[in-house]
Every structure is written in structure tokens, then in C-alpha cells.
Amino acid sequence: MSKIDDIFVIGGGINGCGIARDAAGRGYSVRLAEMNDLASGTSSWSSKLIHGGLRYLEHYKFKLVRESLGEREVLLKMAPHIIWPMRFVLPHHSSMRPAWLLRLGLFLYDHMGKRKLLPGTKQINLTTDPVGKPLKAIFSKGFEYSDCWVNDARLVVLNAQDAREHGAIIETRTKVVSARREKGYWCISTENCRSGEISEHKARLLVNASGPWVDKVLGEALKSDRSNNVRLVQGSHVVVPKIHDHDRAYIFQNADNRIIFALPYEQDYTLIGTTDHDYQGDPADVKITQSEMSYICSSASEYFEKPVDVNDVVWSYSGVRPLYDDGATEAQEATRDYVLRADGDELPVINVFGGKITTYRKLSESMMEKIEALIGVRSASWTASSHLPGGDFEVADYDLLVSKLEQEFEFLDSLLAKRLIRSYGTNAWTLMKGALNIEDMGQDFGGTLSAREIEYLMKHEWAECAEDVVWRRTKLGIRLDENLIAVIDEWMQQKATFDQHSGKLRSQNC
């Protein structure tokens, strides 16, 4: 039996890792268990946005919008390497929301949240502005506003890294099989998904942040009869070759009152989504449907001069949002706000339902209020003025950091230098430490991915197989064919086996 932790967190998505980080930074002892890889569920299948939720205003979700807007710049300053400002173009469609309503919504958007770094809204002439060139000629005017882009999976990993740096124990590929109350503590049994080994842990408090599996954990691991709380809503995206040359994104109004985004993606692509419909199956098995793909492409084609065809799709992904079931008739109307609920009187489990990636930090602070009420206060809130690993530089200094990295390591390709700063920020120097020439980068796996970078991800970021590297830690999978990915996986398996003998890393089973 291990020592008694203050808090045991189930789930290694953005909410679980955010809670673990906040709690560890306040002095609590924290252990987190994730049954797969970090960010392997909902957190890596988002629209990659830190945004206020312009469309939520129509549903009168003013509290959610205000909180989300306030968080944009907090998170931007916290992680300027993986979060950056993005301008969004909203073409006016005369048959849908009237211009006055859009102006009102954008006025509120500009003034409801704290905005210092991000520029405000402006009206644009789509017939003269280059942003109108890819659009159909019928669109003559529009509006432009600010939100932020985020590398979603890296946001999760960096929160986990910082939690570990503050003393938390992060265990991936570790499933909670049971949790029971005994003599004033939670007794938690976990299974190592690699070896099958069972471990026993004790904690003063249990947090269930398992996302789409929150009800399953309640019902199976905790034997609770209150396990029907979550509405699973599927959201899908497609990636097509780059539609436009500028760095702005589009937000389109659809005839069904939904909206879709068309976002610049990985230099050479455009990301389009998302959808909203109820999902009944296993969250691990969710896949984009043909009807979703057709819907996304036809919706985008209503705006772009060159139609988007399903045959243009080079990659797609689908995820499940675990929304709190508030009884809304339509999936798109279900609340995006988070709900924290304590079950049990003397020794409760605190469950996390719903939430947005934009508000994960505020959710974590709200969770800490509940934790403090139950097991006492350790230290004050701290994350609002903090930096995530590698994010200790000014928002405007990204280009300066790229130049500095290129000057210090002259053999680096410019594209690689930019990607390293975008991924690791100031930790790029940790990754590059000791490299004197291109040969020191090790084997080249294509797409600017080297053995040195993979070794860094294995050592510092819990990467255990190719999927962890090319689809979550980086987004390079879109540039690599299946054969190359298989080569990466084999190399990692061999590396892990080699390191296992020196006691540095356990072998993996992805």
C-alpha cells in the first residue's frame, strides 16, 4: 500500500491535468491515473480554439461567455508557444442572422471580457479585402473579430508536466478498476494496462474527471447508482488542402442555425468543423460518419468559391463531448458549461461534468474551492499569473525566440526551428542541449521529426508509441504515411526496451 495522497484524480484530459496542476501547486499531494495516453480522448479532438463562444450568446449563456472571454488572454500569456491570437472573419449572409444582430453580438463579445492584447471587432469589405478572395462573390461585407488558436493535446501534456514539477505523480496507461471508502479514506485499485499489475492506493479525496467515461467510472468502479449524468455529443472535423493563403480563419452561419469554422492548419491545410449530434456508443470507437463529412463539405461550399468535395479530405477526426445532461431538446443547445458535483456525505467523490477547453483553468479553481472546503486550505490560488512549461516569454516574442534558436543552432531548418518554438517554447533549448550539428539530431523520420525529439518526448512527456508522438505531442501524422509511422513505432519500441534494461523506462504496449 502506498502513502496516503491528499487527492486522487481519475482522468488525464485537460480537466484532470488542470486540476492536478492547480492542486499540486497549492501544496496538496496528488496522484493522477489515466487509462490511456494523456489527451487521448475529447481533449485532442477539439476545434483547437480558445474562444468566448460567440454563438452561446444566442442561448443567453452570458456567464459562460464572460468567463470564456476573460480566460483567452490569461491562457495566451500562460502559454504563448502553443496558444496564439487568430482573427476570425464572419461573412454576412442576408438570409440568416441580420447584420444588426451580428453587430450587437460582436459588441458584447468585445466588451464582456477583459481584452488588452487582442484587437477588437471591425467591419470589412469582402470585395476589396484579400480575405474575401476565396469566398463567393455574393458576400460583399463581413465582420472580423479575435479569438485564439491552441494546440489542444499539448495544452494537456504541459499541464501534466507542470503538475509533476510541483510534486504530482502522473501515471498513464493506468486504469482505475475500483474505488471504495474505508476507515476515512478512499482505497483505489489500479491496473497497469501494460503489465496487468494491480496496485493499491489511498487518498483523502477522489476526483472523477474521466470525461466521456465519467458515468462509467461512477457505475463500474465506484458502484454508484447516480451514473446517468452525461450527454455524449459527437463532433467531427475534416482537413483539406489549404484553401486560402492568409492567416485568418472563417466562421460560417448555416441554414440550420449552426456554425462551422474553417481554420488555417499546419501551414498547408484547412481544418473545417464541427458537427453536433448525440452519440450512444463507446466513446473510444467514435468515427466521423459519411453524413457528417458531407454536411461539413456542403456547408463550407455555401461560402467558398471553389466547392469543398469529400474527395478533397486528406484527414478527418471525431470526438465525443461529455456535456452535462440539462435536458436540452437538441444536442447543439446542451450546455457547454461545467458542473462539479460531490456525491457522498462523509467521504464524497467530486465529479466533473462537461466544460470547455477554454475554461479548464477556471474549472480547476472551482474544484479547488470544493477541495479546500473538504480537506482544508494549503495555499492561495496561483495559476492566473503562471506560465506553463516553456511558456516563460512574452506573447510578442515568438519571432525573437525563433531567431535566437536559429542563431544558436545554425544547422536547423527554419521550418523546424519555428515548429520547435511553437511546440516547446523555451524548452526547445532543453531538447537541443548538446546538439552541435545535424547528425546530433539522430535519425530523420520525415516531416522534420528526428530521433532526438522523440527521445525528448519519451523522457519528458510520457510518449510511448508512434501515435502519442505524431497525433498528440506533434500533429505530424498528417505529413507521414503509414509505413513511416510504423517505422517510428518500431524504433520507439526498441528504444524503450533498451532503456528498460538500464531502468530508465518501462516497455510499452500501445
Protein backbone atom coordinates (compact mmCIF):
# COMPACT_ATOMS: atom_id res chain seq x y z
CA MET A 1 0.00 0.00 0.00
CA SER A 2 1.39 3.38 -0.99
CA LYS A 3 1.35 6.54 1.12
CA ILE A 4 -1.90 8.41 1.65
CA ASP A 5 -2.31 11.11 -1.00
CA ASP A 6 -4.46 14.15 -0.47
CA ILE A 7 -6.15 13.87 -3.85
CA PHE A 8 -6.52 11.06 -6.40
CA VAL A 9 -7.60 12.24 -9.86
CA ILE A 10 -9.14 9.87 -12.42
CA GLY A 11 -8.62 11.07 -15.98
CA GLY A 12 -5.73 12.60 -17.93
CA GLY A 13 -7.62 15.02 -20.14
CA ILE A 14 -7.49 18.78 -19.82
CA ASN A 15 -9.74 18.92 -16.75
CA GLY A 16 -7.95 16.17 -14.86
CA CYS A 17 -4.47 17.52 -15.63
CA GLY A 18 -5.57 21.09 -14.91
CA ILE A 19 -6.94 20.07 -11.51
CA ALA A 20 -3.81 18.06 -10.70
CA ARG A 21 -1.59 21.02 -11.59
CA ASP A 22 -3.56 23.55 -9.56
CA ALA A 23 -3.77 21.26 -6.54
CA ALA A 24 -0.09 20.27 -6.60
CA GLY A 25 0.90 23.93 -6.89
CA ARG A 26 -1.08 24.68 -3.71
CA GLY A 27 0.83 22.05 -1.76
CA TYR A 28 -1.53 19.06 -1.92
CA SER A 29 -0.11 15.62 -2.63
CA VAL A 30 -1.70 14.46 -5.88
CA ARG A 31 -1.80 11.25 -7.89
CA LEU A 32 -3.43 11.06 -11.33
CA ALA A 33 -4.31 7.92 -13.26
CA GLU A 34 -5.15 7.89 -16.98
CA MET A 35 -6.15 4.59 -18.59
CA ASN A 36 -4.68 5.55 -21.99
CA ASP A 37 -2.33 8.31 -23.09
CA LEU A 38 -2.75 11.89 -21.93
CA ALA A 39 -5.26 13.80 -24.07
CA SER A 40 -6.27 10.59 -25.84
CA GLY A 41 -9.99 11.37 -25.59
CA THR A 42 -12.02 14.55 -26.02
CA SER A 43 -9.09 16.88 -25.30
CA SER A 44 -7.25 16.06 -28.54
CA TRP A 45 -10.30 16.10 -30.82
CA SER A 46 -11.41 19.70 -30.30
CA SER A 47 -11.67 22.57 -32.80
CA LYS A 48 -8.31 23.81 -31.40
CA LEU A 49 -9.79 27.10 -30.18
CA ILE A 50 -9.58 29.23 -27.07
CA HIS A 51 -12.71 31.27 -27.63
CA GLY A 52 -15.55 33.05 -25.92
CA GLY A 53 -18.25 31.15 -27.78
CA LEU A 54 -19.91 33.80 -29.92
CA ARG A 55 -22.88 31.56 -30.69
CA TYR A 56 -23.55 30.94 -26.97
CA LEU A 57 -24.90 34.50 -26.75
CA GLU A 58 -27.96 33.36 -28.72
CA HIS A 59 -28.73 30.89 -25.94
CA TYR A 60 -28.25 33.61 -23.27
CA LYS A 61 -25.19 31.85 -21.78
CA PHE A 62 -23.77 35.19 -20.64
CA LYS A 63 -21.88 33.80 -17.63
CA LEU A 64 -20.16 31.16 -19.76
CA VAL A 65 -19.26 33.70 -22.46
CA ARG A 66 -17.94 36.22 -19.94
CA GLU A 67 -15.79 33.62 -18.21
CA SER A 68 -14.52 32.26 -21.53
CA LEU A 69 -13.66 35.72 -22.86
CA GLY A 70 -11.78 36.53 -19.68
CA GLU A 71 -9.72 33.36 -19.97
CA ARG A 72 -8.48 33.98 -23.52
CA GLU A 73 -5.71 36.37 -22.55
CA VAL A 74 -4.94 34.61 -19.27
CA LEU A 75 -4.19 31.41 -21.20
CA LEU A 76 -2.45 33.29 -24.02
CA LYS A 77 0.04 34.79 -21.56
CA MET A 78 0.36 31.45 -19.77
CA ALA A 79 1.35 29.51 -22.89
CA PRO A 80 2.26 31.82 -25.80
CA HIS A 81 4.11 28.99 -27.56
CA ILE A 82 1.05 26.76 -28.01
CA ILE A 83 -1.66 29.46 -27.94
CA TRP A 84 -1.67 32.41 -30.30
CA PRO A 85 -4.11 35.10 -31.47
CA MET A 86 -6.23 34.48 -34.53
CA ARG A 87 -8.58 36.78 -36.43
CA PHE A 88 -11.94 35.34 -37.47
CA VAL A 89 -13.93 36.54 -40.49
CA LEU A 90 -17.71 36.29 -40.32
CA PRO A 91 -19.27 36.91 -43.76
CA HIS A 92 -22.72 38.43 -43.61
CA HIS A 93 -25.40 36.14 -45.02
CA SER A 94 -28.54 38.17 -45.69
CA SER A 95 -30.90 35.21 -45.35
CA MET A 96 -29.64 34.27 -41.87
CA ARG A 97 -28.79 36.36 -38.83
CA PRO A 98 -29.33 40.06 -39.63
CA ALA A 99 -26.37 42.43 -39.64
CA TRP A 100 -27.64 44.41 -36.64
CA LEU A 101 -27.80 41.23 -34.55
CA LEU A 102 -24.25 40.32 -35.52
CA ARG A 103 -23.05 43.82 -34.64
CA LEU A 104 -24.77 43.58 -31.25
CA GLY A 105 -23.31 40.16 -30.55
CA LEU A 106 -19.80 41.28 -31.52
CA PHE A 107 -20.14 44.46 -29.44
CA LEU A 108 -20.95 42.32 -26.41
CA TYR A 109 -18.11 39.98 -27.36
CA ASP A 110 -15.67 42.88 -27.32
CA HIS A 111 -16.83 44.34 -24.02
CA MET A 112 -17.93 41.43 -21.81
CA GLY A 113 -14.43 40.09 -21.21
CA LYS A 114 -11.10 41.62 -20.27
CA ARG A 115 -9.30 42.37 -23.53
CA LYS A 116 -5.88 44.04 -23.64
CA LEU A 117 -3.77 42.03 -26.08
CA LEU A 118 -6.40 41.04 -28.64
CA PRO A 119 -7.66 43.64 -31.15
CA GLY A 120 -11.37 44.41 -31.30
CA THR A 121 -14.05 43.83 -33.90
CA LYS A 122 -14.20 45.67 -37.22
CA GLN A 123 -16.39 45.57 -40.30
CA ILE A 124 -14.64 44.57 -43.53
CA ASN A 125 -15.33 44.94 -47.25
CA LEU A 126 -15.04 41.47 -48.73
CA THR A 127 -14.88 42.83 -52.27
CA THR A 128 -11.58 44.62 -51.61
CA ASP A 129 -10.00 42.83 -48.64
CA PRO A 130 -7.87 39.78 -49.65
CA VAL A 131 -9.81 37.73 -47.10
CA GLY A 132 -12.81 37.89 -49.45
CA LYS A 133 -10.98 36.38 -52.42
CA PRO A 134 -11.73 32.68 -51.64
CA LEU A 135 -15.41 33.48 -50.98
CA LYS A 136 -18.32 33.59 -53.39
CA ALA A 137 -18.98 36.99 -54.94
CA ILE A 138 -22.38 37.27 -53.20
CA PHE A 139 -20.56 38.03 -49.94
CA SER A 140 -19.68 41.69 -50.01
CA LYS A 141 -19.39 42.58 -46.33
CA GLY A 142 -18.46 40.87 -43.11
CA PHE A 143 -17.04 41.29 -39.65
CA GLU A 144 -13.68 40.43 -38.17
CA TYR A 145 -13.02 39.63 -34.50
CA SER A 146 -10.39 37.99 -32.31
CA ASP A 147 -10.09 34.65 -30.55
CA CYS A 148 -7.14 32.27 -30.10
CA TRP A 149 -5.81 29.03 -31.53
CA VAL A 150 -4.50 26.30 -29.23
CA ASN A 151 -2.55 23.10 -29.68
CA ASP A 152 -5.07 21.19 -27.57
CA ALA A 153 -3.18 17.98 -26.80
CA ARG A 154 -0.01 19.86 -25.93
CA LEU A 155 -2.01 22.03 -23.51
CA VAL A 156 -2.93 18.84 -21.64
CA VAL A 157 0.62 17.48 -21.62
CA LEU A 158 2.10 20.77 -20.40
CA ASN A 159 -0.41 20.88 -17.53
CA ALA A 160 0.62 17.34 -16.63
CA GLN A 161 4.31 18.33 -16.84
CA ASP A 162 3.79 21.27 -14.52
CA ALA A 163 1.77 19.14 -12.12
CA ARG A 164 4.69 16.70 -11.97
CA GLU A 165 7.16 19.55 -11.44
CA HIS A 166 5.05 20.57 -8.43
CA GLY A 167 5.19 17.06 -6.99
CA ALA A 168 2.19 15.27 -8.53
CA ILE A 169 2.52 11.65 -9.65
CA ILE A 170 1.16 11.18 -13.19
CA GLU A 171 0.51 7.59 -14.27
CA THR A 172 -0.55 6.92 -17.85
CA ARG A 173 -1.88 3.61 -19.17
CA THR A 174 -3.22 3.03 -15.67
CA LYS A 175 -6.88 2.14 -15.20
CA VAL A 176 -8.88 2.59 -12.01
CA VAL A 177 -10.69 -0.72 -11.52
CA SER A 178 -12.30 0.02 -8.16
CA ALA A 179 -12.58 2.71 -5.51
CA ARG A 180 -14.15 2.17 -2.12
CA ARG A 181 -14.48 4.06 1.15
CA GLU A 182 -12.62 2.51 4.09
CA LYS A 183 -11.88 3.99 7.55
CA GLY A 184 -11.98 7.61 6.44
CA TYR A 185 -10.03 7.19 3.20
CA TRP A 186 -10.58 6.21 -0.37
CA CYS A 187 -8.97 2.90 -1.27
CA ILE A 188 -8.27 2.84 -5.00
CA SER A 189 -7.18 -0.18 -7.03
CA THR A 190 -5.42 0.49 -10.34
CA GLU A 191 -4.32 -1.80 -13.14
CA ASN A 192 -1.21 -1.15 -15.23
CA CYS A 193 -2.52 -1.57 -18.77
CA ARG A 194 0.92 -2.67 -19.97
CA SER A 195 1.69 -5.39 -17.45
CA GLY A 196 -1.66 -6.10 -15.81
CA GLU A 197 -0.12 -5.36 -12.40
CA ILE A 198 -2.62 -4.27 -9.72
CA SER A 199 -1.65 -1.51 -7.30
CA GLU A 200 -3.44 -0.18 -4.23
CA HIS A 201 -3.57 3.49 -3.25
CA LYS A 202 -5.14 5.60 -0.51
CA ALA A 203 -6.38 9.16 -0.79
CA ARG A 204 -8.33 11.63 1.29
CA LEU A 205 -10.34 12.79 -1.70
CA LEU A 206 -11.34 11.33 -5.06
CA VAL A 207 -11.89 13.43 -8.21
CA ASN A 208 -13.63 11.82 -11.19
CA ALA A 209 -12.55 13.80 -14.25
CA SER A 210 -12.76 10.97 -16.76
CA GLY A 211 -14.65 12.92 -19.41
CA PRO A 212 -16.90 10.71 -21.58
CA TRP A 213 -16.27 7.86 -19.16
CA VAL A 214 -17.34 9.75 -16.03
CA ASP A 215 -20.61 7.82 -15.75
CA LYS A 216 -18.87 4.52 -16.48
CA VAL A 217 -16.38 5.16 -13.68
CA LEU A 218 -19.23 6.02 -11.33
CA GLY A 219 -21.17 2.88 -12.21
CA GLU A 220 -18.40 0.30 -12.57
CA ALA A 221 -15.52 1.42 -10.37
CA LEU A 222 -17.49 3.23 -7.66
CA LYS A 223 -20.70 1.14 -7.83
CA SER A 224 -22.76 4.32 -7.70
CA ASP A 225 -26.44 4.42 -8.63
CA ARG A 226 -26.06 8.07 -9.78
CA SER A 227 -24.40 7.28 -13.10
CA ASN A 228 -26.67 8.82 -15.71
CA ASN A 229 -25.48 12.41 -15.91
CA VAL A 230 -23.68 12.90 -19.19
CA ARG A 231 -24.96 13.61 -22.68
CA LEU A 232 -22.44 12.44 -25.25
CA VAL A 233 -22.36 14.72 -28.28
CA GLN A 234 -20.26 13.80 -31.30
CA GLY A 235 -18.25 16.50 -33.07
CA SER A 236 -16.30 15.83 -36.26
CA HIS A 237 -13.81 17.74 -38.39
CA VAL A 238 -12.20 17.35 -41.80
CA VAL A 239 -8.83 18.55 -43.08
CA VAL A 240 -8.38 19.57 -46.73
CA PRO A 241 -5.50 21.13 -48.68
CA LYS A 242 -5.10 24.83 -47.89
CA ILE A 243 -7.99 26.86 -49.28
CA HIS A 244 -6.51 30.32 -48.75
CA ASP A 245 -3.07 31.92 -48.33
CA HIS A 246 -3.75 34.34 -45.47
CA ASP A 247 -3.59 33.54 -41.75
CA ARG A 248 -7.18 34.42 -40.85
CA ALA A 249 -9.97 31.94 -40.06
CA TYR A 250 -13.61 31.91 -41.14
CA ILE A 251 -16.79 31.36 -39.18
CA PHE A 252 -19.81 30.46 -41.32
CA GLN A 253 -23.51 30.55 -40.46
CA ASN A 254 -25.52 27.56 -41.64
CA ALA A 255 -29.17 27.37 -42.56
CA ASP A 256 -29.79 25.06 -39.56
CA ASN A 257 -28.57 27.83 -37.22
CA ARG A 258 -25.31 26.02 -36.53
CA ILE A 259 -21.91 27.46 -37.35
CA ILE A 260 -18.75 25.89 -38.71
CA PHE A 261 -15.15 27.10 -38.68
CA ALA A 262 -12.59 26.99 -41.47
CA LEU A 263 -9.18 27.36 -39.83
CA PRO A 264 -5.59 27.52 -41.08
CA TYR A 265 -3.99 24.22 -40.06
CA GLU A 266 -0.35 23.11 -40.02
CA GLN A 267 0.78 25.58 -42.72
CA ASP A 268 -0.52 23.59 -45.68
CA TYR A 269 -4.09 22.68 -44.74
CA THR A 270 -7.50 23.98 -43.74
CA LEU A 271 -9.41 22.47 -40.81
CA ILE A 272 -13.22 22.58 -41.13
CA GLY A 273 -15.81 21.67 -38.49
CA THR A 274 -17.64 20.91 -36.33
CA THR A 275 -20.82 18.87 -36.06
CA ASP A 276 -23.22 18.33 -33.15
CA HIS A 277 -25.31 15.22 -32.68
CA ASP A 278 -26.00 12.76 -29.90
CA TYR A 279 -23.79 9.70 -29.62
CA GLN A 280 -24.77 6.41 -27.97
CA GLY A 281 -21.78 4.13 -28.44
CA ASP A 282 -18.41 3.61 -26.81
CA PRO A 283 -16.50 6.94 -26.82
CA ALA A 284 -13.36 5.05 -27.79
CA ASP A 285 -14.97 3.92 -31.04
CA VAL A 286 -16.32 7.24 -32.31
CA LYS A 287 -15.63 7.89 -36.01
CA ILE A 288 -16.78 10.50 -38.47
CA THR A 289 -19.81 9.40 -40.47
CA GLN A 290 -20.31 9.87 -44.17
CA SER A 291 -23.26 12.17 -43.49
CA GLU A 292 -21.11 14.35 -41.20
CA MET A 293 -18.38 14.59 -43.82
CA SER A 294 -20.94 15.54 -46.49
CA TYR A 295 -22.53 18.09 -44.14
CA ILE A 296 -19.21 19.80 -43.38
CA CYS A 297 -18.15 19.93 -47.02
CA SER A 298 -21.51 21.17 -48.31
CA SER A 299 -21.73 23.81 -45.55
CA ALA A 300 -18.29 25.16 -46.44
CA SER A 301 -19.17 25.07 -50.13
CA GLU A 302 -22.01 27.51 -49.49
CA TYR A 303 -19.32 30.13 -48.85
CA PHE A 304 -16.17 29.20 -50.75
CA GLU A 305 -16.00 29.92 -54.48
CA LYS A 306 -14.30 26.60 -55.07
CA PRO A 307 -16.54 23.85 -53.64
CA VAL A 308 -15.14 21.60 -50.93
CA ASP A 309 -15.61 17.99 -52.02
CA VAL A 310 -15.45 14.92 -49.79
CA ASN A 311 -12.72 13.65 -52.13
CA ASP A 312 -10.58 16.62 -51.04
CA VAL A 313 -10.44 15.37 -47.46
CA VAL A 314 -6.91 14.25 -46.54
CA TRP A 315 -7.70 13.52 -42.90
CA SER A 316 -10.63 13.61 -40.53
CA TYR A 317 -11.23 13.11 -36.86
CA SER A 318 -14.14 12.77 -34.50
CA GLY A 319 -14.54 13.10 -30.76
CA VAL A 320 -17.22 13.00 -28.10
CA ARG A 321 -18.06 15.95 -25.86
CA PRO A 322 -19.20 14.81 -22.41
CA LEU A 323 -21.80 17.52 -21.80
CA TYR A 324 -23.85 17.71 -18.66
CA ASP A 325 -27.33 16.45 -19.46
CA ASP A 326 -29.51 19.50 -18.81
CA GLY A 327 -32.46 18.13 -20.77
CA ALA A 328 -31.97 20.29 -23.89
CA THR A 329 -34.01 19.13 -26.88
CA GLU A 330 -31.19 19.48 -29.43
CA ALA A 331 -27.55 18.49 -28.97
CA GLN A 332 -26.34 21.91 -30.12
CA GLU A 333 -28.42 23.55 -27.36
CA ALA A 334 -26.99 21.44 -24.49
CA THR A 335 -24.95 23.49 -22.02
CA ARG A 336 -21.18 23.80 -22.61
CA ASP A 337 -20.69 24.96 -19.03
CA TYR A 338 -19.14 22.67 -16.45
CA VAL A 339 -20.88 21.14 -13.44
CA LEU A 340 -19.00 19.92 -10.35
CA ARG A 341 -20.96 17.58 -8.11
CA ALA A 342 -19.96 15.93 -4.89
CA ASP A 343 -21.54 12.51 -4.27
CA GLY A 344 -21.49 11.11 -0.74
CA ASP A 345 -21.77 12.78 2.64
CA GLU A 346 -18.78 11.86 4.78
CA LEU A 347 -16.28 10.99 2.05
CA PRO A 348 -17.50 12.35 -1.27
CA VAL A 349 -16.25 11.85 -4.79
CA ILE A 350 -16.27 15.08 -6.76
CA ASN A 351 -17.39 14.51 -10.36
CA VAL A 352 -16.63 16.77 -13.29
CA PHE A 353 -19.32 17.02 -15.95
CA GLY A 354 -18.91 18.97 -19.18
CA GLY A 355 -16.71 22.01 -19.61
CA LYS A 356 -14.76 23.67 -22.40
CA ILE A 357 -11.03 23.63 -23.01
CA THR A 358 -11.18 27.44 -22.76
CA THR A 359 -12.44 27.36 -19.18
CA TYR A 360 -10.42 24.43 -17.86
CA ARG A 361 -8.33 26.67 -15.58
CA LYS A 362 -11.43 28.28 -14.04
CA LEU A 363 -12.96 24.83 -13.63
CA SER A 364 -9.81 23.80 -11.75
CA GLU A 365 -10.11 26.83 -9.44
CA SER A 366 -13.76 25.98 -8.78
CA MET A 367 -12.74 22.42 -7.98
CA MET A 368 -10.13 23.72 -5.53
CA GLU A 369 -12.83 25.61 -3.63
CA LYS A 370 -14.66 22.33 -3.11
CA ILE A 371 -11.46 20.51 -2.17
CA GLU A 372 -10.45 23.20 0.33
CA ALA A 373 -13.85 23.00 2.00
CA LEU A 374 -13.40 19.26 2.48
CA ILE A 375 -9.74 18.79 3.44
CA GLY A 376 -8.53 22.27 4.30
CA VAL A 377 -6.67 25.14 2.64
CA ARG A 378 -2.96 24.78 1.84
CA SER A 379 -2.09 27.93 -0.15
CA ALA A 380 -3.73 30.57 -2.32
CA SER A 381 -4.75 30.34 -5.96
CA TRP A 382 -1.79 30.81 -8.27
CA THR A 383 -2.42 29.74 -11.86
CA ALA A 384 -3.81 33.05 -13.21
CA SER A 385 -0.33 34.60 -13.31
CA SER A 386 1.66 31.45 -14.02
CA HIS A 387 3.40 30.01 -17.08
CA LEU A 388 3.15 26.51 -18.43
CA PRO A 389 6.48 24.76 -19.16
CA GLY A 390 8.26 26.56 -22.00
CA GLY A 391 5.83 29.49 -21.89
CA ASP A 392 8.02 31.91 -19.92
CA PHE A 393 8.28 34.58 -22.61
CA GLU A 394 6.19 37.49 -23.82
CA VAL A 395 3.40 36.91 -26.34
CA ALA A 396 5.07 39.23 -28.85
CA ASP A 397 8.46 37.50 -28.59
CA TYR A 398 7.75 34.33 -30.59
CA ASP A 399 9.69 35.51 -33.67
CA LEU A 400 12.55 36.64 -31.43
CA LEU A 401 12.78 33.17 -29.88
CA VAL A 402 12.79 31.54 -33.32
CA SER A 403 15.66 33.80 -34.43
CA LYS A 404 17.59 33.08 -31.25
CA LEU A 405 17.19 29.31 -31.74
CA GLU A 406 18.28 29.56 -35.39
CA GLN A 407 21.36 31.60 -34.47
CA GLU A 408 22.42 29.20 -31.74
CA PHE A 409 21.78 26.06 -33.80
CA GLU A 410 22.63 27.18 -37.34
CA PHE A 411 22.09 23.72 -38.80
CA LEU A 412 18.36 23.79 -38.01
CA ASP A 413 15.96 24.20 -40.90
CA SER A 414 13.83 27.34 -40.49
CA LEU A 415 10.60 25.34 -40.60
CA LEU A 416 11.87 23.06 -37.85
CA ALA A 417 13.02 25.96 -35.67
CA LYS A 418 9.57 27.54 -35.90
CA ARG A 419 7.87 24.26 -35.04
CA LEU A 420 10.15 23.62 -32.06
CA ILE A 421 9.35 27.02 -30.55
CA ARG A 422 5.64 26.56 -31.31
CA SER A 423 5.71 23.19 -29.56
CA TYR A 424 8.19 23.59 -26.72
CA GLY A 425 8.82 27.33 -26.28
CA THR A 426 11.91 27.93 -24.16
CA ASN A 427 12.12 24.16 -23.51
CA ALA A 428 13.35 23.85 -27.10
CA TRP A 429 16.79 24.55 -25.63
CA THR A 430 16.39 21.56 -23.31
CA LEU A 431 15.54 19.42 -26.32
CA MET A 432 18.51 20.75 -28.29
CA LYS A 433 21.07 20.68 -25.45
CA GLY A 434 24.39 19.31 -26.64
CA ALA A 435 23.49 19.27 -30.36
CA LEU A 436 26.40 20.61 -32.42
CA ASN A 437 25.39 19.55 -35.91
CA ILE A 438 22.56 17.94 -37.87
CA GLU A 439 23.96 14.48 -37.14
CA ASP A 440 23.29 15.08 -33.45
CA MET A 441 19.56 15.18 -34.23
CA GLY A 442 19.72 11.45 -34.88
CA GLN A 443 17.59 9.55 -37.39
CA ASP A 444 15.34 11.66 -39.61
CA PHE A 445 11.81 10.18 -39.70
CA GLY A 446 10.38 12.74 -42.11
CA GLY A 447 8.21 15.80 -41.58
CA THR A 448 11.07 17.44 -39.56
CA LEU A 449 10.70 14.73 -36.87
CA SER A 450 14.02 13.44 -35.51
CA ALA A 451 15.12 10.75 -33.09
CA ARG A 452 16.28 13.48 -30.69
CA GLU A 453 12.78 14.94 -30.49
CA ILE A 454 11.18 11.53 -29.98
CA GLU A 455 13.64 10.74 -27.19
CA TYR A 456 12.72 14.04 -25.54
CA LEU A 457 9.01 13.18 -25.77
CA MET A 458 9.62 9.73 -24.30
CA LYS A 459 11.68 11.09 -21.43
CA HIS A 460 9.70 14.23 -20.55
CA GLU A 461 6.18 13.85 -21.95
CA TRP A 462 5.04 10.24 -21.39
CA ALA A 463 5.14 9.33 -25.11
CA GLU A 464 5.23 5.57 -25.53
CA CYS A 465 4.30 4.83 -29.12
CA ALA A 466 4.13 6.48 -32.53
CA GLU A 467 0.50 7.53 -32.10
CA ASP A 468 1.41 9.51 -29.00
CA VAL A 469 4.09 11.36 -30.94
CA VAL A 470 2.60 12.00 -34.38
CA TRP A 471 -1.06 12.68 -33.44
CA ARG A 472 -0.87 14.22 -29.95
CA ARG A 473 2.58 15.56 -28.99
CA THR A 474 3.01 16.81 -32.56
CA LYS A 475 0.50 17.00 -35.44
CA LEU A 476 2.95 15.49 -37.91
CA GLY A 477 0.88 12.39 -38.60
CA ILE A 478 -0.86 14.27 -41.40
CA ARG A 479 2.51 14.54 -43.20
CA LEU A 480 3.65 10.95 -42.65
CA ASP A 481 2.42 7.82 -44.38
CA GLU A 482 1.52 4.63 -42.53
CA ASN A 483 4.85 2.98 -43.33
CA LEU A 484 6.84 5.82 -41.76
CA ILE A 485 4.61 5.82 -38.69
CA ALA A 486 5.19 2.06 -38.36
CA VAL A 487 8.96 2.67 -38.55
CA ILE A 488 8.68 5.27 -35.77
CA ASP A 489 6.67 2.85 -33.65
CA GLU A 490 9.24 0.07 -34.09
CA TRP A 491 12.09 2.46 -33.26
CA MET A 492 10.32 3.58 -30.08
CA GLN A 493 9.65 0.00 -29.02
CA GLN A 494 13.32 -0.86 -29.46
CA LYS A 495 14.40 2.29 -27.64
CA ALA A 496 12.05 1.61 -24.73
CA THR A 497 13.23 -2.00 -24.47
CA PHE A 498 16.85 -0.84 -24.47
CA ASP A 499 16.16 1.78 -21.78
CA GLN A 500 14.21 -0.73 -19.74
CA HIS A 501 17.41 -2.67 -19.13
CA SER A 502 19.02 0.46 -17.72
CA GLY A 503 15.97 1.13 -15.55
CA LYS A 504 15.05 4.36 -17.26
CA LEU A 505 11.81 3.49 -19.00
CA ARG A 506 9.26 0.71 -18.94
CA SER A 507 8.47 -1.05 -22.16
CA GLN A 508 5.21 -0.02 -23.72
CA ASN A 509 2.21 -1.59 -25.29
CA CYS A 510 0.19 0.86 -27.37
